Amino acid sequence: MAGEGTTSPPPGRGRFARSEHETEFGRIVAFSDGVIAIAITLLTLNLEVPNVSSDDSAALARGVVDLAPHFFAYALSFAVVGRLWLVHHRFFATLEGFDGRLMVANLVYLSLIVLVPFTSDMLGTYGEIDVAVMTYAAVLGLASLVNVLMIGYALR
């Protein structure tokens, strides 16, 4: 008989109501938050303590000043990734349901976010070279585009 013994579609297929699948939805959000938190944390790996003798404060000061481009790239990337997380967080808070396509789009989005530490290091090291700036901008632009596409998809 129709309706008897039916089960939910396998993961990745069909649309799932958030209220009926809150655990799965919570796992998607928790995974996303964790990936973004790791990406933001990895930004600090680009900031290396200058290697100077322990009694040479002038050399240490110069070493810290020389890191200015890396500090700029760190601050910029932290702010941008933080803003992207806020938008992502607010978007997922409003969702009433999800499906496999939205989950795949979210993974693509997260794959771009985890590239930010790499491109941020390029920006800090080679900020005067166009390719470094364009690579950084491309990754952030693509992440923003995927986010807009996810929102548009969810609104349909």
Foldseek 3Di string as FASTA:
>chain_A
DPPPPDDDDPAQDDKFFCVVPVVVLVVLLVVLVVLLVVLLVLLCVLDDQDDDDPVDVVVSVVVVVLQVLSVVLSVVLNVLSVVVNVLVVVLSVPFRIDHNVLSVLSVVLSVLSSCSSVLSSLCSVPVVDPVSVVVNVVSSVVSVVSSVVSSVVRVD
